[in-house]
Each structure stands twice: as structure tokens, then as C-alpha cells.
Amino acid sequence: MKICFIGNSHLGPIAAASHVVSSGIPGLEMVHYISRTYGALPLKMFSPTDVESFPYVKIENRQDVDSLINVDDWDAFVIVGFGFSLIRLVEKWVEFQPDSLGVDLGGHLLVPGFVDAYENECMDSTQAVRLMRRVRDMTGKPIYLVPAPFPAEWAGNREGEKFRPFRAIKASGEEPAAISAFERQLRRLPGRRIKPIKQPQSTVTDLMWTDEAFALGQPSERSETSFYARGDFYHMNKTFGEIYLREIVSVVVADLGMSESTEKTGS
């Protein structure tokens, strides 16, 4: 079984755990195409009838890093991050928020008839959805979405404009509203024959926060170069990556029908 991962920085901790996870399942191969800020080669995908270049997915220019994907070589595709997140939804609420939300985030209010369309556009305009739509045009093979992580829980307690909407949601107890809106976006994905793989509950606390133990930004690290000092509440560590990857593999293996005997023998 061959799984092709395509993602941005949120794929990093997942990719780091691939050797540990795959070693327990003979016959499983995972390859990761990670878009980087210093990437130089745009990702290209091709099928027998089509070819597409993705200029916003930049791969390193190295001999051991390929930037060309033949869709026929893979059994499933997993898209990681690329802007599809609860964080994006909350940040968009700062501009236009549902008038039913029990907190003032400072933006304009939307009556119910406009909320769904606005939130749909927030997610449909992400690189993740654009990429998944195009991959779906090229192949009928399974496509999975791994959203970017929930915010680290300290984002709901920290001072500063960057954290204001998260602090307001936490203080007002509006986590259920945020999760409900995000879950609705995840439910829309199967309509495109794309399946979301949710963040494992073992990493989540109080509905919409990632347990601080999994955050790269640790409140105890206050040096100027630390992730916490930079206000990075959205990148997680390798432990988080391994937990999530085990969940991803479990879902994909089950969907593709790899039996327990196949997992053990690699046949």
C-alpha cells in the first residue's frame, strides 16, 4: 500500500514519525511532499490524460526530493494543512461573525442566511480545497484531508491582539459554536468524495484546544527565538505527529481493505 502525503509545515511532524509507524505495517510505503518557504520547484502531478502544476506547493530543489507525482503510482492521497483549520475560521469571524455568537469579536454581524455561505467561502478558498479539487479531477483514488491543528490551549489565555479572538471565545465559553461551525465544514468534504481525518481526541482539551504538551510553543520557553515568544500556537511537535499519523494510517488501511494478515505478512 502506497500513501502519498502532500502538505505544508503541518506535515513536518507527521512525516518525522513515518519510519516508526510504517515499521509496524509491512507493505506500507509513505512518501511526503512538503511545501516549504525556501522551496524552489513547484509540485507537478500527472495522469495518463492530464498534467497540473501547483505553484503554491514549493518543493526543495534536491536530487533526493522529487517534485513530480504520477497519480497512478499511489493508492491514496493525504492532504495536510494548507489553510484548512479551525484557526482560519475563527480569524475570519473577526471580519464577519455570526450574529448568534455570544461574544463580540469586533467585526460585522452576519444574519443566519449569510453565515453558511461566508464560512463556506472561507474554506473553499484555501489552498487545501483547491489542491483536493484538482487532484480529484485527475484520479478517482481516495483523498483524505488532515486539517491543521487546533490552537494550543495557551492561545486562549494570552494577551495581545493576535490572541484576542481566541481569548474572547474561551472567556465567553463559545468553544461549542466554533467546533460546530468547523465540523460543518468537515461534513461538506465527503460531497467531493474527500474524507477528513480529524485530530485525535487524545490531543484535544476543552473541545477546540490542542493540549499544551503537544505544542512547539511552550510557555516555559521564553527566549526571543522560541516558538512561544514568536506567538506560534499552531505548530505541534513530533509526539503529536506520531499520534496523528497512527490515526491516519488506521483510517486509510481500514478503508482500502488491508486485512490484519496482510499487515502482518506484507503479502
Protein backbone atom coordinates (compact mmCIF):
# COMPACT_ATOMS: atom_id res chain seq x y z
CA MET A 1 0.00 0.00 0.00
CA LYS A 2 1.39 3.37 -1.05
CA ILE A 3 0.19 6.60 0.53
CA CYS A 4 1.16 9.98 -0.92
CA PHE A 5 1.22 12.85 1.59
CA ILE A 6 1.16 16.45 0.33
CA GLY A 7 1.24 19.25 2.87
CA ASN A 8 2.81 22.39 4.22
CA SER A 9 4.68 22.82 7.51
CA HIS A 10 1.98 20.88 9.39
CA LEU A 11 3.10 17.76 7.55
CA GLY A 12 6.57 18.06 9.12
CA PRO A 13 5.88 16.37 12.49
CA ILE A 14 3.74 13.73 10.78
CA ALA A 15 6.48 12.93 8.27
CA ALA A 16 9.03 12.68 11.10
CA ALA A 17 7.09 9.77 12.56
CA SER A 18 6.68 7.84 9.31
CA HIS A 19 9.54 5.40 9.90
CA VAL A 20 8.32 4.45 13.37
CA VAL A 21 4.73 3.97 12.24
CA SER A 22 5.40 2.21 8.94
CA SER A 23 7.82 -0.25 10.55
CA GLY A 24 4.86 -1.91 12.25
CA ILE A 25 2.98 -2.48 8.99
CA PRO A 26 4.94 -4.43 6.37
CA GLY A 27 4.00 -3.48 2.84
CA LEU A 28 3.13 0.10 3.77
CA GLU A 29 5.01 2.88 1.95
CA MET A 30 4.57 6.57 2.71
CA VAL A 31 6.19 9.43 0.84
CA HIS A 32 5.89 13.08 1.83
CA TYR A 33 5.87 16.13 -0.40
CA ILE A 34 6.29 19.13 1.90
CA SER A 35 5.80 22.67 0.66
CA ARG A 36 8.48 24.89 2.20
CA THR A 37 9.09 28.63 2.29
CA TYR A 38 12.51 28.01 0.75
CA GLY A 39 11.16 25.54 -1.80
CA ALA A 40 12.18 26.15 -5.39
CA LEU A 41 10.33 23.57 -7.51
CA PRO A 42 6.56 23.68 -7.97
CA LEU A 43 4.84 20.37 -7.41
CA LYS A 44 3.60 18.70 -10.58
CA MET A 45 1.13 15.85 -10.90
CA PHE A 46 0.20 13.87 -13.96
CA SER A 47 -2.16 11.14 -15.06
CA PRO A 48 -2.47 9.39 -18.42
CA THR A 49 -4.73 12.19 -19.63
CA ASP A 50 -3.77 15.25 -17.61
CA VAL A 51 -0.93 17.22 -16.07
CA GLU A 52 -1.05 20.01 -13.49
CA SER A 53 1.48 22.29 -11.84
CA PHE A 54 0.81 23.66 -8.35
CA PRO A 55 2.82 26.89 -7.98
CA TYR A 56 1.85 27.31 -4.31
CA VAL A 57 3.35 23.92 -3.39
CA LYS A 58 7.11 24.51 -3.49
CA ILE A 59 9.41 21.51 -3.02
CA GLU A 60 13.12 21.64 -2.17
CA ASN A 61 15.46 21.52 -5.15
CA ARG A 62 17.43 18.42 -4.14
CA GLN A 63 18.35 15.28 -6.03
CA ASP A 64 16.70 13.06 -3.42
CA VAL A 65 13.47 15.09 -3.35
CA ASP A 66 11.13 14.57 -6.27
CA SER A 67 8.65 17.23 -7.34
CA LEU A 68 6.75 15.11 -9.88
CA ILE A 69 3.89 12.81 -8.90
CA ASN A 70 2.33 10.18 -11.12
CA VAL A 71 -1.15 9.69 -9.65
CA ASP A 72 -1.19 6.09 -10.87
CA ASP A 73 1.71 5.24 -8.54
CA TRP A 74 -0.34 5.75 -5.38
CA ASP A 75 -3.22 4.04 -3.62
CA ALA A 76 -4.35 7.10 -1.65
CA PHE A 77 -3.58 10.78 -1.22
CA VAL A 78 -3.48 12.66 2.09
CA ILE A 79 -3.56 16.47 2.02
CA VAL A 80 -2.26 18.08 5.22
CA GLY A 81 -2.86 21.65 6.37
CA PHE A 82 -2.75 24.24 3.60
CA GLY A 83 -5.02 26.66 5.45
CA PHE A 84 -7.91 24.35 6.27
CA SER A 85 -8.29 24.86 10.01
CA LEU A 86 -10.49 25.97 12.86
CA ILE A 87 -7.96 28.76 13.40
CA ARG A 88 -8.72 30.19 9.96
CA LEU A 89 -12.45 30.09 10.68
CA VAL A 90 -12.07 31.99 13.95
CA GLU A 91 -9.79 34.56 12.35
CA LYS A 92 -12.37 35.10 9.60
CA TRP A 93 -15.00 35.69 12.27
CA VAL A 94 -13.03 38.77 13.28
CA GLU A 95 -14.17 40.28 9.97
CA PHE A 96 -17.70 38.86 9.80
CA GLN A 97 -19.15 36.85 12.65
CA PRO A 98 -22.50 35.10 13.13
CA ASP A 99 -24.87 37.39 14.98
CA SER A 100 -25.79 34.39 17.14
CA LEU A 101 -22.28 34.20 18.56
CA GLY A 102 -22.33 35.17 22.23
CA VAL A 103 -19.22 37.34 22.03
CA ASP A 104 -18.21 40.48 20.13
CA LEU A 105 -15.08 39.83 18.07
CA GLY A 106 -15.13 43.34 16.65
CA GLY A 107 -16.29 42.63 13.13
CA HIS A 108 -19.53 42.91 11.22
CA LEU A 109 -22.50 40.73 12.15
CA LEU A 110 -23.97 38.19 9.75
CA VAL A 111 -27.59 37.07 9.92
CA PRO A 112 -28.16 33.30 9.62
CA GLY A 113 -28.93 33.44 5.90
CA PHE A 114 -25.39 34.61 5.12
CA VAL A 115 -23.31 32.74 7.68
CA ASP A 116 -23.05 29.42 5.85
CA ALA A 117 -22.08 31.00 2.55
CA TYR A 118 -19.41 33.13 4.20
CA GLU A 119 -17.88 30.22 6.10
CA ASN A 120 -18.05 28.02 3.01
CA GLU A 121 -16.08 30.57 1.03
CA CYS A 122 -13.53 30.89 3.86
CA MET A 123 -12.70 27.20 3.49
CA ASP A 124 -13.28 26.77 -0.22
CA SER A 125 -10.68 29.46 -0.92
CA THR A 126 -7.95 27.59 0.98
CA GLN A 127 -5.06 26.01 -0.86
CA ALA A 128 -6.13 22.68 0.64
CA VAL A 129 -9.52 22.69 -1.09
CA ARG A 130 -8.09 23.99 -4.36
CA LEU A 131 -5.50 21.22 -4.32
CA MET A 132 -8.00 18.49 -3.41
CA ARG A 133 -10.41 19.54 -6.14
CA ARG A 134 -7.70 19.35 -8.76
CA VAL A 135 -6.37 16.01 -7.54
CA ARG A 136 -9.94 14.69 -7.60
CA ASP A 137 -10.22 15.78 -11.24
CA MET A 138 -7.13 13.71 -12.03
CA THR A 139 -7.91 10.47 -10.17
CA GLY A 140 -10.71 8.52 -8.56
CA LYS A 141 -8.44 7.21 -5.81
CA PRO A 142 -9.19 8.05 -2.16
CA ILE A 143 -8.30 11.54 -0.97
CA TYR A 144 -8.08 12.44 2.71
CA LEU A 145 -7.82 15.82 4.41
CA VAL A 146 -5.84 16.30 7.60
CA PRO A 147 -6.72 19.80 8.86
CA ALA A 148 -4.13 21.99 10.52
CA PRO A 149 -4.15 21.50 14.32
CA PHE A 150 -6.44 23.23 16.78
CA PRO A 151 -4.77 26.17 18.54
CA ALA A 152 -2.53 25.41 21.51
CA GLU A 153 -4.57 25.96 24.65
CA TRP A 154 -2.40 28.84 25.83
CA ALA A 155 -3.67 30.92 22.90
CA GLY A 156 -6.93 31.28 24.80
CA ASN A 157 -5.22 32.85 27.81
CA ARG A 158 -2.51 35.05 26.33
CA GLU A 159 -2.60 38.82 26.00
CA GLY A 160 -2.06 40.52 22.66
CA GLU A 161 -4.09 41.34 19.55
CA LYS A 162 -3.05 38.12 17.82
CA PHE A 163 -4.74 36.08 20.53
CA ARG A 164 -7.74 38.35 21.14
CA PRO A 165 -10.39 36.33 19.26
CA PHE A 166 -9.27 33.08 20.86
CA ARG A 167 -9.15 34.69 24.29
CA ALA A 168 -12.67 36.07 23.74
CA ILE A 169 -14.05 32.70 22.65
CA LYS A 170 -12.54 30.96 25.65
CA ALA A 171 -13.72 33.62 28.12
CA SER A 172 -17.27 33.52 26.75
CA GLY A 173 -17.44 29.74 26.55
CA GLU A 174 -18.16 29.79 22.83
CA GLU A 175 -15.98 26.80 22.01
CA PRO A 176 -19.06 24.71 21.10
CA ALA A 177 -20.06 27.28 18.46
CA ALA A 178 -16.59 27.28 16.93
CA ILE A 179 -16.41 23.48 16.86
CA SER A 180 -19.91 23.23 15.40
CA ALA A 181 -19.01 25.59 12.55
CA PHE A 182 -15.79 23.72 11.84
CA GLU A 183 -17.49 20.32 11.97
CA ARG A 184 -19.97 21.56 9.37
CA GLN A 185 -17.08 22.34 7.05
CA LEU A 186 -15.65 18.86 7.56
CA ARG A 187 -19.05 17.32 6.76
CA ARG A 188 -19.08 19.15 3.43
CA LEU A 189 -15.95 17.32 2.27
CA PRO A 190 -17.49 13.90 1.54
CA GLY A 191 -19.64 15.69 -1.03
CA ARG A 192 -16.45 15.95 -3.05
CA ARG A 193 -15.60 12.29 -2.31
CA ILE A 194 -12.96 13.52 0.11
CA LYS A 195 -12.75 12.23 3.67
CA PRO A 196 -11.50 14.23 6.65
CA ILE A 197 -9.34 12.60 9.30
CA LYS A 198 -9.96 14.54 12.48
CA GLN A 199 -7.36 15.48 15.05
CA PRO A 200 -7.15 12.62 17.59
CA GLN A 201 -9.17 13.33 20.71
CA SER A 202 -6.23 12.31 22.89
CA THR A 203 -4.52 15.55 21.80
CA VAL A 204 -7.55 17.79 22.38
CA THR A 205 -8.70 19.56 25.52
CA ASP A 206 -11.88 21.57 26.13
CA LEU A 207 -13.32 20.90 22.67
CA MET A 208 -11.15 23.15 20.48
CA TRP A 209 -7.69 23.43 22.01
CA THR A 210 -4.61 21.30 21.48
CA ASP A 211 -3.13 20.15 24.76
CA GLU A 212 -0.09 22.31 25.52
CA ALA A 213 2.08 19.20 25.84
CA PHE A 214 1.96 18.81 22.06
CA ALA A 215 2.73 22.42 21.10
CA LEU A 216 6.11 23.53 19.78
CA GLY A 217 5.45 26.77 21.59
CA GLN A 218 5.91 26.07 25.28
CA PRO A 219 5.11 28.79 27.87
CA SER A 220 8.18 27.73 29.83
CA GLU A 221 10.44 28.69 26.92
CA ARG A 222 10.78 32.48 26.85
CA SER A 223 13.87 33.05 24.72
CA GLU A 224 13.36 35.50 21.87
CA THR A 225 13.74 32.74 19.28
CA SER A 226 11.30 30.30 20.90
CA PHE A 227 8.03 29.37 19.24
CA TYR A 228 6.18 30.72 22.28
CA ALA A 229 7.89 34.10 22.10
CA ARG A 230 7.01 34.29 18.40
CA GLY A 231 3.39 33.59 19.26
CA ASP A 232 3.27 30.34 17.31
CA PHE A 233 0.24 28.50 18.70
CA TYR A 234 -0.45 26.45 15.57
CA HIS A 235 2.59 24.18 15.07
CA MET A 236 2.88 20.94 17.00
CA ASN A 237 5.70 18.58 17.97
CA LYS A 238 6.80 15.10 16.86
CA THR A 239 4.81 13.35 19.58
CA PHE A 240 1.68 14.96 18.18
CA GLY A 241 2.77 13.95 14.68
CA GLU A 242 3.16 10.29 15.63
CA ILE A 243 -0.25 10.15 17.33
CA TYR A 244 -1.91 11.75 14.31
CA LEU A 245 -0.05 9.56 11.81
CA ARG A 246 -1.17 6.40 13.58
CA GLU A 247 -4.75 7.63 13.28
CA ILE A 248 -4.27 8.46 9.58
CA VAL A 249 -2.78 5.07 8.78
CA SER A 250 -5.51 3.29 10.73
CA VAL A 251 -8.23 5.05 8.72
CA VAL A 252 -6.59 4.60 5.32
CA VAL A 253 -5.68 0.95 5.89
CA ALA A 254 -9.24 0.18 7.02
CA ASP A 255 -10.75 1.99 4.03
CA LEU A 256 -8.52 0.30 1.49
CA GLY A 257 -9.21 -3.11 2.96
CA MET A 258 -5.75 -4.18 4.05
CA SER A 259 -6.51 -7.20 6.21
CA GLU A 260 -4.82 -7.95 9.51
CA SER A 261 -2.98 -10.85 7.89
CA THR A 262 -1.68 -8.59 5.14
CA GLU A 263 -0.43 -6.12 7.72
CA LYS A 264 1.48 -8.88 9.50
CA THR A 265 2.94 -10.64 6.46
CA GLY A 266 3.25 -7.83 3.92
CA SER A 267 1.67 -10.14 1.34
